[in-house]
Protein backbone atom coordinates (compact mmCIF):
# COMPACT_ATOMS: atom_id res chain seq x y z
CA MET A 1 0.00 0.00 0.00
CA PRO A 2 1.71 3.25 -1.11
CA THR A 3 1.94 5.89 1.61
CA LYS A 4 2.59 9.60 1.55
CA PRO A 5 4.81 11.40 4.08
CA MET A 6 3.34 13.93 6.49
CA PRO A 7 4.38 17.39 5.26
CA SER A 8 5.38 18.98 8.58
CA ASN A 9 5.41 18.57 12.34
CA LEU A 10 2.68 21.20 12.66
CA SER A 11 0.54 19.35 10.15
CA GLN A 12 1.16 16.10 12.00
CA ARG A 13 0.09 17.57 15.35
CA SER A 14 -3.07 19.15 13.95
CA SER A 15 -3.95 15.96 12.08
CA LEU A 16 -3.37 13.84 15.18
CA THR A 17 -5.55 16.15 17.27
CA PHE A 18 -8.35 16.04 14.70
CA LEU A 19 -8.20 12.26 14.42
CA VAL A 20 -8.31 11.69 18.18
CA ILE A 21 -11.24 14.10 18.60
CA THR A 22 -13.08 12.36 15.77
CA VAL A 23 -12.55 8.92 17.33
CA LEU A 24 -13.79 10.31 20.65
CA THR A 25 -16.87 11.74 18.92
CA PHE A 26 -17.80 8.48 17.20
CA LEU A 27 -17.41 6.40 20.34
CA ALA A 28 -19.15 9.01 22.51
CA ALA A 29 -22.08 8.87 20.11
CA SER A 30 -22.10 5.07 20.35
CA SER A 31 -22.61 5.11 24.13
CA ALA A 32 -24.82 8.22 24.29
CA PRO A 33 -28.09 6.22 23.95
CA THR A 34 -27.35 4.05 27.01
CA PRO A 35 -28.66 6.51 29.66
CA LEU A 36 -31.62 7.21 27.37
CA TYR A 37 -32.83 3.63 27.01
CA GLN A 38 -34.93 3.91 30.16
CA VAL A 39 -36.47 7.16 28.88
CA TYR A 40 -37.25 5.53 25.54
CA GLN A 41 -38.81 2.56 27.33
CA ASP A 42 -41.02 4.82 29.44
CA ASN A 43 -42.08 6.98 26.49
CA LEU A 44 -42.51 4.29 23.84
CA HIS A 45 -43.58 1.42 26.13
CA PHE A 46 -41.37 -1.36 24.78
CA SER A 47 -39.92 -4.41 26.55
CA ALA A 48 -36.40 -5.26 27.66
CA ALA A 49 -36.26 -7.68 24.72
CA MET A 50 -36.93 -4.81 22.29
CA LEU A 51 -34.34 -2.71 24.12
CA THR A 52 -31.66 -5.35 23.58
CA LEU A 53 -32.75 -5.68 19.93
CA ILE A 54 -32.21 -1.93 19.47
CA PHE A 55 -28.80 -2.36 21.07
CA GLY A 56 -27.94 -5.55 19.20
CA VAL A 57 -28.64 -4.18 15.73
CA TYR A 58 -25.86 -1.64 16.35
CA ALA A 59 -23.29 -4.36 17.01
CA VAL A 60 -24.36 -6.45 13.99
CA SER A 61 -24.23 -3.41 11.71
CA LEU A 62 -20.82 -2.40 13.07
CA LEU A 63 -19.54 -5.91 12.44
CA ALA A 64 -20.87 -5.81 8.87
CA ALA A 65 -18.95 -2.58 8.27
CA LEU A 66 -15.70 -4.01 9.63
CA LEU A 67 -16.02 -7.06 7.41
CA THR A 68 -16.88 -5.19 4.20
CA VAL A 69 -15.49 -1.65 4.16
CA GLY A 70 -12.81 -2.14 6.81
CA SER A 71 -9.96 -1.97 4.31
CA LEU A 72 -11.62 0.26 1.70
CA SER A 73 -9.53 3.29 2.66
CA ASP A 74 -6.36 1.41 1.64
CA TYR A 75 -7.62 1.67 -1.95
CA VAL A 76 -9.62 4.92 -2.25
CA GLY A 77 -7.80 7.03 0.36
CA ARG A 78 -8.45 7.85 4.01
CA LYS A 79 -10.28 11.17 3.65
CA PRO A 80 -13.22 10.01 1.48
CA VAL A 81 -13.97 7.12 3.84
CA ILE A 82 -13.74 9.30 6.98
CA PHE A 83 -16.09 11.80 5.30
CA ALA A 84 -18.57 9.06 4.32
CA ALA A 85 -18.59 7.68 7.89
CA LEU A 86 -19.27 11.17 9.26
CA ILE A 87 -22.17 11.70 6.84
CA LEU A 88 -23.72 8.36 7.83
CA ASN A 89 -23.43 9.25 11.51
CA ILE A 90 -24.91 12.70 10.90
CA VAL A 91 -27.97 11.02 9.37
CA ALA A 92 -28.11 8.68 12.38
CA MET A 93 -28.09 11.68 14.75
CA LEU A 94 -31.00 13.21 12.81
CA LEU A 95 -32.92 9.95 13.17
CA PHE A 96 -32.28 9.94 16.92
CA ILE A 97 -33.41 13.57 17.22
CA ASN A 98 -36.71 12.74 15.51
CA ALA A 99 -37.18 9.27 17.02
CA ASP A 100 -40.81 8.75 18.00
CA SER A 101 -40.99 4.97 17.54
CA THR A 102 -38.89 1.85 17.92
CA ALA A 103 -38.52 1.72 14.12
CA TYR A 104 -36.68 5.06 14.22
CA LEU A 105 -34.43 3.82 17.03
CA ILE A 106 -33.59 0.59 15.20
CA ALA A 107 -32.82 2.49 11.99
CA ALA A 108 -30.70 5.03 13.86
CA ARG A 109 -28.69 2.36 15.69
CA ALA A 110 -28.19 0.30 12.52
CA LEU A 111 -26.91 3.32 10.60
CA GLN A 112 -24.79 4.42 13.55
CA GLY A 113 -23.27 0.95 13.84
CA PHE A 114 -22.22 0.89 10.20
CA ALA A 115 -20.81 4.42 10.46
CA THR A 116 -18.88 3.56 13.62
CA GLY A 117 -17.48 0.35 12.16
CA THR A 118 -16.34 2.23 9.07
CA ALA A 119 -14.81 5.00 11.17
CA THR A 120 -13.11 2.61 13.58
CA ALA A 121 -11.22 0.95 10.73
CA VAL A 122 -10.20 4.06 8.79
CA LEU A 123 -9.42 6.31 11.77
CA GLY A 124 -7.33 3.56 13.36
CA ALA A 125 -5.34 3.18 10.17
CA THR A 126 -4.93 6.94 9.76
CA LEU A 127 -3.69 7.32 13.34
CA LEU A 128 -0.97 4.76 12.58
CA ASP A 129 -0.12 6.55 9.32
CA THR A 130 0.17 9.86 11.16
CA ASP A 131 2.12 8.74 14.25
CA ARG A 132 3.52 5.22 14.29
CA LEU A 133 4.88 5.67 17.81
CA ARG A 134 1.75 6.89 19.59
CA GLY A 135 -0.83 5.54 17.17
CA PRO A 136 -1.25 2.06 18.72
CA MET A 137 -1.77 3.47 22.22
CA LEU A 138 -4.20 6.13 20.98
CA ASN A 139 -6.13 3.42 19.13
CA SER A 140 -6.58 1.56 22.42
CA LEU A 141 -7.29 4.51 24.71
CA ALA A 142 -9.42 6.83 22.56
CA PRO A 143 -12.37 4.42 22.16
CA MET A 144 -12.51 3.78 25.92
CA LEU A 145 -12.38 7.51 26.71
CA GLY A 146 -14.96 8.22 24.03
CA MET A 147 -17.41 5.68 25.40
CA ALA A 148 -16.91 7.02 28.91
CA SER A 149 -17.50 10.63 27.88
CA GLY A 150 -20.57 9.69 25.83
CA GLY A 151 -22.22 7.72 28.60
CA LEU A 152 -21.45 10.24 31.34
CA GLY A 153 -22.17 13.32 29.21
CA SER A 154 -25.46 11.93 28.01
CA GLY A 155 -26.45 11.00 31.57
CA LEU A 156 -25.70 14.53 32.79
CA LEU A 157 -27.71 16.15 30.00
CA VAL A 158 -30.65 13.78 30.46
CA GLU A 159 -30.70 14.41 34.20
CA TYR A 160 -30.18 18.17 34.32
CA ALA A 161 -30.72 19.74 30.87
CA PRO A 162 -33.80 20.33 28.70
CA TRP A 163 -34.81 18.15 25.72
CA PRO A 164 -33.46 14.92 27.30
CA THR A 165 -33.87 12.77 24.18
CA GLN A 166 -32.47 15.35 21.76
CA LEU A 167 -29.84 17.67 23.25
CA ILE A 168 -26.97 15.17 23.30
CA TYR A 169 -27.60 14.34 19.65
CA PHE A 170 -27.70 18.01 18.66
CA ALA A 171 -24.31 18.48 20.36
CA LEU A 172 -22.81 15.46 18.60
CA LEU A 173 -24.38 16.54 15.30
CA GLY A 174 -22.67 19.92 15.53
CA LEU A 175 -19.28 18.30 16.15
CA MET A 176 -19.71 15.92 13.24
CA VAL A 177 -20.68 18.68 10.82
CA LEU A 178 -17.51 20.59 11.74
CA GLN A 179 -15.43 17.43 11.36
CA ALA A 180 -16.96 16.68 7.95
CA MET A 181 -15.89 20.13 6.78
CA TYR A 182 -12.40 19.92 8.28
CA VAL A 183 -11.51 16.41 7.12
CA TRP A 184 -10.65 17.61 3.61
CA ARG A 185 -7.84 19.74 5.10
CA LEU A 186 -6.03 16.61 6.29
CA PRO A 187 -3.00 15.47 4.31
CA GLU A 188 -3.85 12.23 2.49
CA THR A 189 -1.60 9.47 3.83
CA VAL A 190 -2.16 6.81 1.16
CA SER A 191 -2.30 6.80 -2.63
CA ARG A 192 -5.31 5.45 -4.52
CA ILE A 193 -4.78 1.97 -5.94
CA PRO A 194 -6.99 -0.50 -7.86
CA GLY A 195 -8.95 -3.21 -6.07
CA ALA A 196 -11.56 -1.26 -4.08
CA LEU A 197 -14.49 -3.49 -5.09
CA LYS A 198 -12.55 -6.67 -4.40
CA SER A 199 -11.66 -5.37 -0.94
CA LEU A 200 -15.36 -5.37 0.03
CA ALA A 201 -15.42 -9.18 0.15
CA PRO A 202 -15.17 -10.30 3.81
CA THR A 203 -11.93 -12.10 4.66
CA LEU A 204 -11.80 -14.44 7.64
CA HIS A 205 -8.75 -16.60 8.23
CA VAL A 206 -7.07 -17.87 11.39
CA PRO A 207 -3.47 -18.91 10.64
CA LYS A 208 -2.59 -22.36 11.91
CA GLN A 209 0.11 -21.01 14.23
CA ALA A 210 -2.40 -18.64 15.91
CA ARG A 211 -5.26 -21.08 16.49
CA ARG A 212 -4.09 -22.34 19.88
CA ALA A 213 -3.54 -18.79 21.18
CA LEU A 214 -6.94 -17.70 19.86
CA GLY A 215 -8.57 -20.67 21.58
CA LEU A 216 -6.87 -19.76 24.86
CA ALA A 217 -7.91 -16.12 24.53
CA MET A 218 -11.55 -16.74 23.60
CA PRO A 219 -13.05 -17.60 27.02
CA LEU A 220 -11.72 -14.37 28.51
CA ASN A 221 -12.46 -12.34 25.40
CA VAL A 222 -16.04 -13.62 25.22
CA ALA A 223 -16.55 -12.79 28.90
CA VAL A 224 -15.12 -9.29 28.37
CA TRP A 225 -17.34 -8.48 25.40
CA ALA A 226 -20.43 -10.10 26.91
CA LEU A 227 -19.98 -7.93 30.00
CA GLY A 228 -19.63 -4.85 27.79
CA GLY A 229 -22.78 -5.73 25.89
CA PHE A 230 -24.78 -6.22 29.08
CA PHE A 231 -23.60 -2.92 30.54
CA SER A 232 -24.27 -1.02 27.32
CA SER A 233 -27.83 -2.29 27.02
CA LEU A 234 -29.27 -3.27 30.39
CA ALA A 235 -27.24 -1.44 33.07
CA PRO A 236 -29.73 1.45 33.56
CA SER A 237 -32.68 -0.98 33.75
CA LEU A 238 -30.78 -3.19 36.20
CA VAL A 239 -29.99 -0.27 38.52
CA ARG A 240 -33.65 0.73 38.56
CA ALA A 241 -34.82 -2.84 39.17
CA ALA A 242 -32.28 -3.48 41.95
CA THR A 243 -32.26 -0.15 43.78
CA GLY A 244 -35.37 1.70 42.66
CA SER A 245 -33.23 4.64 41.52
CA THR A 246 -34.63 6.58 38.56
CA SER A 247 -31.51 8.71 38.04
CA HIS A 248 -30.39 8.61 34.41
CA LEU A 249 -26.94 9.74 35.49
CA ILE A 250 -26.27 6.42 37.24
CA GLY A 251 -26.66 4.33 34.09
CA GLY A 252 -24.31 6.59 32.14
CA GLY A 253 -21.97 6.76 35.12
CA LEU A 254 -21.63 2.98 35.25
CA VAL A 255 -20.68 2.87 31.56
CA ALA A 256 -18.14 5.64 32.19
CA VAL A 257 -16.67 3.85 35.21
CA ILE A 258 -16.17 0.53 33.45
CA THR A 259 -14.63 2.08 30.33
CA LEU A 260 -12.39 4.51 32.22
CA SER A 261 -11.16 1.66 34.41
CA GLY A 262 -10.44 -0.28 31.23
CA ALA A 263 -8.47 2.65 29.83
CA VAL A 264 -6.41 2.89 33.03
CA MET A 265 -5.63 -0.83 32.83
CA ILE A 266 -4.59 -0.61 29.18
CA TYR A 267 -2.26 2.31 29.83
CA SER A 268 -0.80 0.93 33.06
CA LEU A 269 0.03 -2.53 31.69
CA ARG A 270 0.94 -1.56 28.14
CA GLU A 271 4.50 -2.93 28.48
CA HIS A 272 3.69 -6.13 30.38
CA PRO A 273 3.61 -9.56 28.67
CA ALA A 274 0.21 -10.46 27.24
CA ASP A 275 -0.16 -13.74 29.16
CA LYS A 276 0.39 -12.04 32.53
CA VAL A 277 -2.06 -9.27 31.65
CA MET A 278 -4.68 -11.86 30.72
CA ARG A 279 -4.26 -13.86 33.93
CA LEU A 280 -4.63 -10.76 36.07
CA SER A 281 -7.57 -9.54 33.99
CA ALA A 282 -9.41 -12.86 34.24
CA ALA A 283 -9.16 -12.76 38.03
CA LEU A 284 -10.29 -9.13 38.18
CA LEU A 285 -13.20 -9.77 35.83
CA ALA A 286 -14.45 -12.71 37.90
CA ALA A 287 -14.12 -10.71 41.12
CA GLY A 288 -15.81 -7.65 39.63
CA VAL A 289 -18.80 -9.60 38.32
CA ALA A 290 -19.15 -11.40 41.66
CA LEU A 291 -19.20 -8.05 43.45
CA LEU A 292 -21.75 -6.80 40.94
CA LEU A 293 -24.07 -9.68 41.81
CA VAL A 294 -23.68 -8.85 45.50
CA ALA A 295 -24.53 -5.23 44.70
CA VAL A 296 -27.71 -6.34 42.91
CA GLN A 297 -28.84 -8.47 45.85
CA SER A 298 -27.98 -5.82 48.44
CA ALA A 299 -29.35 -2.90 46.36
CA SER A 300 -26.12 -1.01 47.10
CA LEU A 301 -25.30 1.82 44.68
CA TRP A 302 -21.78 2.38 45.99
CA LEU A 303 -21.04 -1.33 45.55
CA PHE A 304 -22.40 -1.12 41.99
CA PHE A 305 -19.76 1.49 41.21
CA PHE A 306 -16.93 -0.29 43.05
CA ALA A 307 -17.77 -3.55 41.29
CA SER A 308 -17.76 -1.69 37.97
CA VAL A 309 -14.26 -0.38 38.67
CA VAL A 310 -12.94 -3.88 39.38
CA ALA A 311 -14.75 -5.42 36.41
CA GLY A 312 -13.60 -2.54 34.21
CA LEU A 313 -9.96 -3.29 35.01
CA GLY A 314 -10.55 -6.84 33.84
CA PHE A 315 -12.48 -5.56 30.83
CA GLY A 316 -9.65 -3.35 29.56
CA GLY A 317 -6.83 -5.73 30.35
CA GLY A 318 -8.68 -8.72 28.95
CA PHE A 319 -9.28 -6.99 25.64
CA MET A 320 -5.72 -5.70 25.30
CA GLY A 321 -4.17 -9.00 26.38
CA SER A 322 -6.33 -11.03 24.00
CA VAL A 323 -5.35 -8.89 21.01
CA ARG A 324 -1.66 -8.90 21.88
CA SER A 325 -1.61 -12.66 22.47
CA ILE A 326 -2.60 -13.42 18.87
CA VAL A 327 -1.55 -10.57 16.60
CA GLY A 328 2.17 -11.28 16.83
CA LEU A 329 1.64 -14.88 15.68
CA ALA A 330 0.35 -13.90 12.24
CA LEU A 331 2.47 -12.96 9.26
CA PRO A 332 1.84 -9.45 7.89
CA HIS A 333 -0.39 -10.70 5.07
CA GLU A 334 -2.39 -12.85 7.53
CA ARG A 335 -3.18 -10.17 10.10
CA ALA A 336 -6.24 -8.67 8.41
CA GLY A 337 -7.96 -12.04 8.18
CA LEU A 338 -7.01 -12.96 11.74
CA MET A 339 -8.27 -9.69 13.19
CA SER A 340 -11.48 -9.96 11.18
CA ALA A 341 -12.07 -13.40 12.70
CA PHE A 342 -11.24 -12.04 16.15
CA TYR A 343 -13.71 -9.17 15.83
CA VAL A 344 -16.44 -11.42 14.43
CA LEU A 345 -16.22 -13.55 17.57
CA SER A 346 -15.93 -10.46 19.77
CA TYR A 347 -18.97 -8.63 18.43
CA LEU A 348 -21.05 -11.80 18.44
CA ALA A 349 -20.19 -12.06 22.14
CA PHE A 350 -21.06 -8.38 22.51
CA CYS A 351 -24.61 -8.65 21.16
CA LEU A 352 -25.93 -12.23 21.27
CA PRO A 353 -25.71 -12.84 25.05
CA ALA A 354 -27.27 -9.43 25.75
CA LEU A 355 -30.09 -10.18 23.29
CA LEU A 356 -30.69 -13.52 25.02
CA ALA A 357 -30.66 -11.83 28.44
CA GLY A 358 -33.24 -9.28 27.27
CA ASN A 359 -35.56 -12.04 26.11
CA LEU A 360 -35.08 -14.17 29.23
CA SER A 361 -35.79 -11.19 31.47
CA ARG A 362 -39.39 -11.17 30.23
CA GLU A 363 -39.85 -14.72 31.51
CA PHE A 364 -37.72 -14.74 34.66
CA GLY A 365 -37.23 -11.07 35.54
CA LEU A 366 -34.15 -8.91 35.15
CA ILE A 367 -32.66 -9.69 38.59
CA ALA A 368 -32.78 -13.47 38.12
CA THR A 369 -31.48 -13.14 34.56
CA THR A 370 -28.60 -10.99 35.80
CA ASP A 371 -27.70 -13.60 38.42
CA ALA A 372 -27.51 -16.33 35.79
CA TYR A 373 -25.68 -14.09 33.31
CA GLY A 374 -23.13 -13.08 35.94
CA ALA A 375 -22.57 -16.68 37.02
CA LEU A 376 -21.79 -17.66 33.42
CA LEU A 377 -19.35 -14.76 33.06
CA ILE A 378 -17.57 -15.81 36.25
CA LEU A 379 -17.30 -19.39 34.97
CA LEU A 380 -15.88 -18.14 31.67
CA ALA A 381 -13.33 -15.94 33.44
CA ILE A 382 -12.28 -18.75 35.79
CA SER A 383 -11.96 -21.22 32.91
CA ALA A 384 -9.88 -18.64 31.04
CA LEU A 385 -7.62 -18.24 34.07
CA ALA A 386 -7.25 -22.01 34.42
CA GLY A 387 -6.35 -22.39 30.75
CA LEU A 388 -3.79 -19.60 30.94
CA LEU A 389 -2.20 -21.06 34.06
CA LEU A 390 -1.95 -24.50 32.46
CA GLN A 391 -0.42 -23.37 29.19
CA ARG A 392 3.28 -24.07 28.88
CA ALA A 393 4.44 -21.50 26.35
CA PRO A 394 3.88 -17.84 27.23
CA SER A 395 2.22 -15.56 24.72
CA PRO A 396 4.54 -13.14 22.90
CA HIS A 397 5.34 -9.76 24.36
CA ILE A 398 4.17 -7.16 21.87
CA CYS A 399 5.69 -3.81 22.74
CA LYS A 400 3.76 -0.57 22.72
CA THR A 401 5.30 0.57 19.45
CA ASP A 402 4.14 -2.49 17.49
CA ASN A 403 2.02 -1.07 14.70
CA SER A 404 0.01 -4.24 14.26
């Protein structure tokens, strides 16, 4: 893939700033609906199963984007793809602003998922093009910080500002319009090459030498993403069911706590070997989920937040460790297929268990469903820890400057 040099240090700094802000905006928008789900439920009178469907369609759409247009910018250039993702998300914000039915919400989340998947791929690549030293770390931290700011910011606006179901989307819409105008000022970092249509065909391939490591990583990775999916969809409803609290800030605050804790873990352990990070993360995840179940039974808000901190440390470390344990085992031409397979499994774990939990909650209630869901996550985390302790060969140490 032909690349173009950055023209100056000033241009590099301004480009890096723009790219990080744009990543933050996309991921903030992705978590902004979480504190609003309870408001939508009250206003539109839909079930927890419909709520998880609205959430799940986002993950499926995001996955479709990663599998189809994930590498498109390698062929047509970074700027056109960033611009297209921004336009799609602008339309999604307009749908949210005018949402007066579940059909609007499903359409908005589907469009937002595709836009976010497109943006995740192209912005991640452009960050690496722009700064190969800091790019990998920014790619790990910016999404976590974006999700935290979106959940917390949305919760604050819903709780204390007017137009609770619209104001956050107006704010995000304004940012995206400005970004869509500015993106054309970025230096293009790749040259156009033939093969754009062919690149849209999904590519899934797990190299033989990476299959054992992927199998070892999957129990922890599934637990991590399943926890994230549950928090992103049902956390506000769970807090209300367990404690009786109607504060919209709490739901957004829990999302912020778990993602910020994950960001702290990623940054703190960025130079530690992947296998050690995964073992620690599996233990923290199991402990955090266990504490969360105690918080549900005791109706303790402070324990909800403490449990989210502990689980969030396992969430961030588990994700980082899983990626680092496999990516170094693939040859350069095998990495795209391997990471596509990894993200297929990850996003299926993100949406399918949460969808199942939403449906089961109609039959058994949200508290009982949460108990069973949490018990399964603990079993997954413990099995992951056991597998990691029993393995003989440690996973490779991928340093923080590895561009893969």
